[in-house]
Amino acid sequence: MEEAYTPARLTNDKDYELLPRNGFRPGTKYLGRMHYGLGWVIDEDTSMGRIVEHGGKFPGIWSGLLRNISKRQTIITYDNTAWSGADLLNRMALDILNNKPIEDLLSKKSLAQVYVQCMMQKGADAAFSRLMELKSDTAHYFLDQYEINSLGYQFLANGYLAQSLETFKINVLLFPNSANAYDSYAEALAQHGDKDPAVAMYKKSILMNPKNEEGKKRLKKLLGEN
């Protein structure tokens, strides 16, 4: 158990650090710096106790489990209304348990949710226009490439191939420096049978991230290479 709650060490003898990104609102510092142990995310901040946690997601659900080992407090949430709400709700609940002032961490709206609702109701062009109209309003909305990427895969998993391709394309346009965005777009294009564009996207992704071994395998398969 002690090993599970001890930050992992890399081969260069440094801690494996996790910066706020996937699983909580982009740009926020609410969850602070973390480390990874043996299956647990470990908070660096111990002002409220020794805290470990982990989340998980699947299209339609986000879950979070937080454990304050020092105070024997456990919080478990399931969220089907926001991509990252479970982790933030855990933080708000932790403040309540410890009689701290509660800050609303869920005030900003997800532009990915606005985008998908508009797409399903009014079509791809209207959804893109709405996205571009609101993305500069950072006081009320947030936009994150990983959420858009997840949305593309949700479309793909549920048979909405055209919407999936459009979403991955938009993600590339919005985040042109993301190797992951190109890789995901390539995967969707390949599933659609668009070989040449898929090859181009995989090559772009690999050029930006030479360590993309899975992308290299898929590219070779598309090109018919062993």
Protein backbone atom coordinates (compact mmCIF):
# COMPACT_ATOMS: atom_id res chain seq x y z
CA MET A 1 0.00 0.00 0.00
CA GLU A 2 2.86 2.35 0.81
CA GLU A 3 4.35 1.73 -2.64
CA ALA A 4 0.98 2.45 -4.27
CA TYR A 5 0.87 5.88 -2.65
CA THR A 6 4.52 6.80 -3.27
CA PRO A 7 5.36 8.96 -6.33
CA ALA A 8 6.99 6.91 -9.07
CA ARG A 9 10.58 7.68 -10.00
CA LEU A 10 11.75 7.93 -13.59
CA THR A 11 15.02 6.48 -14.84
CA ASN A 12 16.57 9.96 -14.48
CA ASP A 13 15.58 9.78 -10.76
CA LYS A 14 12.93 12.49 -11.09
CA ASP A 15 9.31 12.27 -10.02
CA TYR A 16 6.74 11.50 -12.69
CA GLU A 17 4.76 14.74 -12.64
CA LEU A 18 1.24 15.25 -13.93
CA LEU A 19 0.22 18.76 -14.91
CA PRO A 20 -3.48 19.73 -14.98
CA ARG A 21 -4.86 18.68 -18.36
CA ASN A 22 -6.91 15.63 -19.04
CA GLY A 23 -9.64 15.24 -16.46
CA PHE A 24 -10.09 18.82 -15.33
CA ARG A 25 -10.81 22.23 -16.72
CA PRO A 26 -8.08 23.48 -19.08
CA GLY A 27 -5.98 26.32 -17.73
CA THR A 28 -7.11 25.96 -14.14
CA LYS A 29 -4.82 25.36 -11.20
CA TYR A 30 -7.47 23.91 -8.91
CA LEU A 31 -5.98 20.44 -8.78
CA GLY A 32 -2.39 21.64 -8.71
CA ARG A 33 0.69 19.60 -9.43
CA MET A 34 0.46 15.85 -9.01
CA HIS A 35 2.57 12.73 -9.26
CA TYR A 36 1.80 9.17 -10.26
CA GLY A 37 2.23 6.22 -7.95
CA LEU A 38 1.32 2.58 -8.41
CA GLY A 39 -2.09 3.13 -10.00
CA TRP A 40 -2.90 6.34 -8.12
CA VAL A 41 -2.57 10.05 -8.81
CA ILE A 42 -0.90 11.63 -5.79
CA ASP A 43 -1.38 15.27 -4.81
CA GLU A 44 1.77 17.26 -4.14
CA ASP A 45 -0.19 19.63 -1.87
CA THR A 46 -0.70 17.97 1.52
CA SER A 47 -2.22 20.97 3.33
CA MET A 48 -5.54 19.09 3.76
CA GLY A 49 -3.95 15.68 4.18
CA ARG A 50 -2.39 12.97 2.06
CA ILE A 51 -4.68 12.80 -0.96
CA VAL A 52 -4.73 10.19 -3.74
CA GLU A 53 -7.24 9.90 -6.54
CA HIS A 54 -8.04 8.51 -9.97
CA GLY A 55 -10.66 9.09 -12.62
CA GLY A 56 -11.98 7.29 -15.64
CA LYS A 57 -14.23 7.97 -18.60
CA PHE A 58 -16.27 6.38 -21.32
CA PRO A 59 -18.63 8.10 -23.78
CA GLY A 60 -21.48 9.40 -21.64
CA ILE A 61 -19.88 9.06 -18.21
CA TRP A 62 -16.96 10.44 -16.20
CA SER A 63 -16.09 9.06 -12.78
CA GLY A 64 -13.78 10.17 -10.04
CA LEU A 65 -12.56 8.65 -6.78
CA LEU A 66 -10.69 10.72 -4.20
CA ARG A 67 -9.26 9.44 -0.92
CA ASN A 68 -7.87 11.62 1.87
CA ILE A 69 -5.77 9.00 3.63
CA SER A 70 -4.89 11.25 6.56
CA LYS A 71 -8.52 11.98 7.46
CA ARG A 72 -10.13 8.77 6.18
CA GLN A 73 -12.36 10.71 3.79
CA THR A 74 -13.52 9.11 0.54
CA ILE A 75 -15.45 10.83 -2.26
CA ILE A 76 -16.80 9.03 -5.34
CA THR A 77 -18.64 10.86 -8.14
CA TYR A 78 -20.23 9.91 -11.43
CA ASP A 79 -20.90 12.69 -13.92
CA ASN A 80 -22.85 12.41 -17.18
CA THR A 81 -23.22 16.15 -17.78
CA ALA A 82 -19.64 17.38 -18.25
CA TRP A 83 -16.42 15.84 -19.48
CA SER A 84 -14.46 16.87 -16.41
CA GLY A 85 -17.01 17.59 -13.74
CA ALA A 86 -16.33 14.53 -11.56
CA ASP A 87 -12.83 15.60 -10.54
CA LEU A 88 -13.88 19.16 -9.81
CA LEU A 89 -16.98 18.06 -7.90
CA ASN A 90 -14.69 15.90 -5.76
CA ARG A 91 -12.63 19.00 -4.95
CA MET A 92 -15.68 21.00 -4.00
CA ALA A 93 -16.95 18.13 -1.82
CA LEU A 94 -13.53 17.89 -0.15
CA ASP A 95 -13.78 21.58 0.80
CA ILE A 96 -17.22 20.96 2.28
CA LEU A 97 -15.94 18.02 4.34
CA ASN A 98 -13.10 20.14 5.69
CA ASN A 99 -15.16 23.30 6.38
CA LYS A 100 -13.34 25.36 3.77
CA PRO A 101 -14.89 28.12 1.61
CA ILE A 102 -16.44 26.57 -1.49
CA GLU A 103 -15.40 27.90 -4.88
CA ASP A 104 -17.52 27.20 -7.94
CA LEU A 105 -15.11 25.32 -10.19
CA LEU A 106 -17.72 24.53 -12.83
CA SER A 107 -18.72 28.03 -13.87
CA LYS A 108 -17.26 27.95 -17.39
CA LYS A 109 -19.18 26.12 -20.10
CA SER A 110 -17.66 23.55 -22.40
CA LEU A 111 -17.45 24.73 -26.01
CA ALA A 112 -17.27 21.09 -27.09
CA GLN A 113 -20.73 20.57 -25.63
CA VAL A 114 -22.02 23.69 -27.39
CA TYR A 115 -20.44 22.43 -30.61
CA VAL A 116 -21.95 18.95 -30.50
CA GLN A 117 -25.43 20.21 -29.62
CA CYS A 118 -25.35 22.73 -32.46
CA MET A 119 -24.02 20.14 -34.90
CA MET A 120 -26.78 17.65 -34.16
CA GLN A 121 -29.47 20.33 -34.33
CA LYS A 122 -28.27 22.63 -37.13
CA GLY A 123 -25.43 20.88 -38.94
CA ALA A 124 -21.64 21.11 -39.21
CA ASP A 125 -21.39 24.61 -40.72
CA ALA A 126 -23.59 26.18 -38.04
CA ALA A 127 -21.66 24.34 -35.32
CA PHE A 128 -18.31 25.57 -36.60
CA SER A 129 -19.59 29.15 -36.86
CA ARG A 130 -20.88 29.00 -33.29
CA LEU A 131 -17.57 27.59 -32.08
CA MET A 132 -15.58 30.38 -33.72
CA GLU A 133 -18.02 32.97 -32.41
CA LEU A 134 -17.63 31.89 -28.77
CA LYS A 135 -14.05 30.66 -28.48
CA SER A 136 -12.66 34.10 -27.64
CA ASP A 137 -15.11 34.45 -24.73
CA THR A 138 -12.76 32.78 -22.26
CA ALA A 139 -14.59 34.31 -19.29
CA HIS A 140 -17.61 32.06 -19.89
CA TYR A 141 -16.35 29.21 -22.09
CA PHE A 142 -13.35 26.91 -22.34
CA LEU A 143 -12.03 25.00 -25.32
CA ASP A 144 -9.71 22.01 -25.00
CA GLN A 145 -8.26 19.87 -27.77
CA TYR A 146 -8.55 16.66 -25.77
CA GLU A 147 -12.26 17.17 -25.21
CA ILE A 148 -12.81 17.86 -28.91
CA ASN A 149 -10.72 14.77 -29.67
CA SER A 150 -12.79 12.66 -27.29
CA LEU A 151 -15.95 13.95 -28.95
CA GLY A 152 -14.62 12.80 -32.33
CA TYR A 153 -14.09 9.32 -30.99
CA GLN A 154 -17.56 9.27 -29.43
CA PHE A 155 -19.05 10.07 -32.84
CA LEU A 156 -16.89 7.35 -34.38
CA ALA A 157 -17.88 4.73 -31.80
CA ASN A 158 -21.58 5.44 -32.31
CA GLY A 159 -21.56 5.29 -36.11
CA TYR A 160 -21.63 9.05 -36.84
CA LEU A 161 -18.69 8.88 -39.23
CA ALA A 162 -19.34 12.18 -41.05
CA GLN A 163 -19.64 14.06 -37.76
CA SER A 164 -16.52 12.31 -36.49
CA LEU A 165 -14.46 13.36 -39.52
CA GLU A 166 -15.71 16.94 -39.23
CA THR A 167 -14.85 17.08 -35.54
CA PHE A 168 -11.32 15.74 -36.00
CA LYS A 169 -10.80 18.16 -38.89
CA ILE A 170 -11.91 21.08 -36.73
CA ASN A 171 -9.54 19.94 -33.98
CA VAL A 172 -6.62 20.03 -36.42
CA LEU A 173 -7.62 23.51 -37.56
CA LEU A 174 -7.92 24.77 -33.98
CA PHE A 175 -4.77 23.05 -32.70
CA PRO A 176 -2.35 22.81 -35.65
CA ASN A 177 0.62 22.08 -33.37
CA SER A 178 -0.92 18.96 -31.84
CA ALA A 179 0.49 15.68 -33.14
CA ASN A 180 -2.32 13.85 -31.37
CA ALA A 181 -4.97 15.80 -33.32
CA TYR A 182 -3.42 14.75 -36.65
CA ASP A 183 -3.09 11.14 -35.52
CA SER A 184 -6.76 10.90 -34.50
CA TYR A 185 -7.91 12.53 -37.73
CA ALA A 186 -5.80 10.03 -39.67
CA GLU A 187 -7.41 7.12 -37.83
CA ALA A 188 -10.91 8.32 -38.69
CA LEU A 189 -9.97 8.96 -42.32
CA ALA A 190 -8.55 5.44 -42.60
CA GLN A 191 -11.76 3.96 -41.22
CA HIS A 192 -13.68 5.98 -43.82
CA GLY A 193 -11.49 4.55 -46.58
CA ASP A 194 -9.79 7.87 -47.40
CA LYS A 195 -6.33 6.37 -47.75
CA ASP A 196 -4.33 9.28 -49.18
CA PRO A 197 -5.55 11.92 -46.68
CA ALA A 198 -5.05 9.39 -43.86
CA VAL A 199 -1.46 8.77 -44.97
CA ALA A 200 -0.83 12.53 -45.08
CA MET A 201 -2.22 13.02 -41.57
CA TYR A 202 -0.19 10.12 -40.15
CA LYS A 203 2.98 11.49 -41.75
CA LYS A 204 2.28 14.92 -40.27
CA SER A 205 1.69 13.43 -36.82
CA ILE A 206 4.86 11.33 -36.94
CA LEU A 207 6.89 14.29 -38.15
CA MET A 208 5.72 16.26 -35.12
CA ASN A 209 6.07 13.32 -32.75
CA PRO A 210 8.70 10.80 -33.92
CA LYS A 211 7.86 8.61 -30.89
CA ASN A 212 4.39 7.86 -32.25
CA GLU A 213 5.08 4.15 -32.72
CA GLU A 214 1.42 3.18 -33.04
CA GLY A 215 1.00 5.78 -35.78
CA LYS A 216 4.02 4.35 -37.60
CA LYS A 217 2.48 0.85 -37.51
CA ARG A 218 -0.82 2.10 -38.88
CA LEU A 219 0.93 4.10 -41.59
CA LYS A 220 2.88 1.03 -42.71
CA LYS A 221 -0.35 -0.96 -42.83
CA LEU A 222 -1.99 1.70 -45.00
CA LEU A 223 0.98 1.71 -47.35
CA GLY A 224 0.99 -2.09 -47.49
CA GLU A 225 4.45 -2.33 -45.92
CA ASN A 226 5.64 -5.06 -43.54
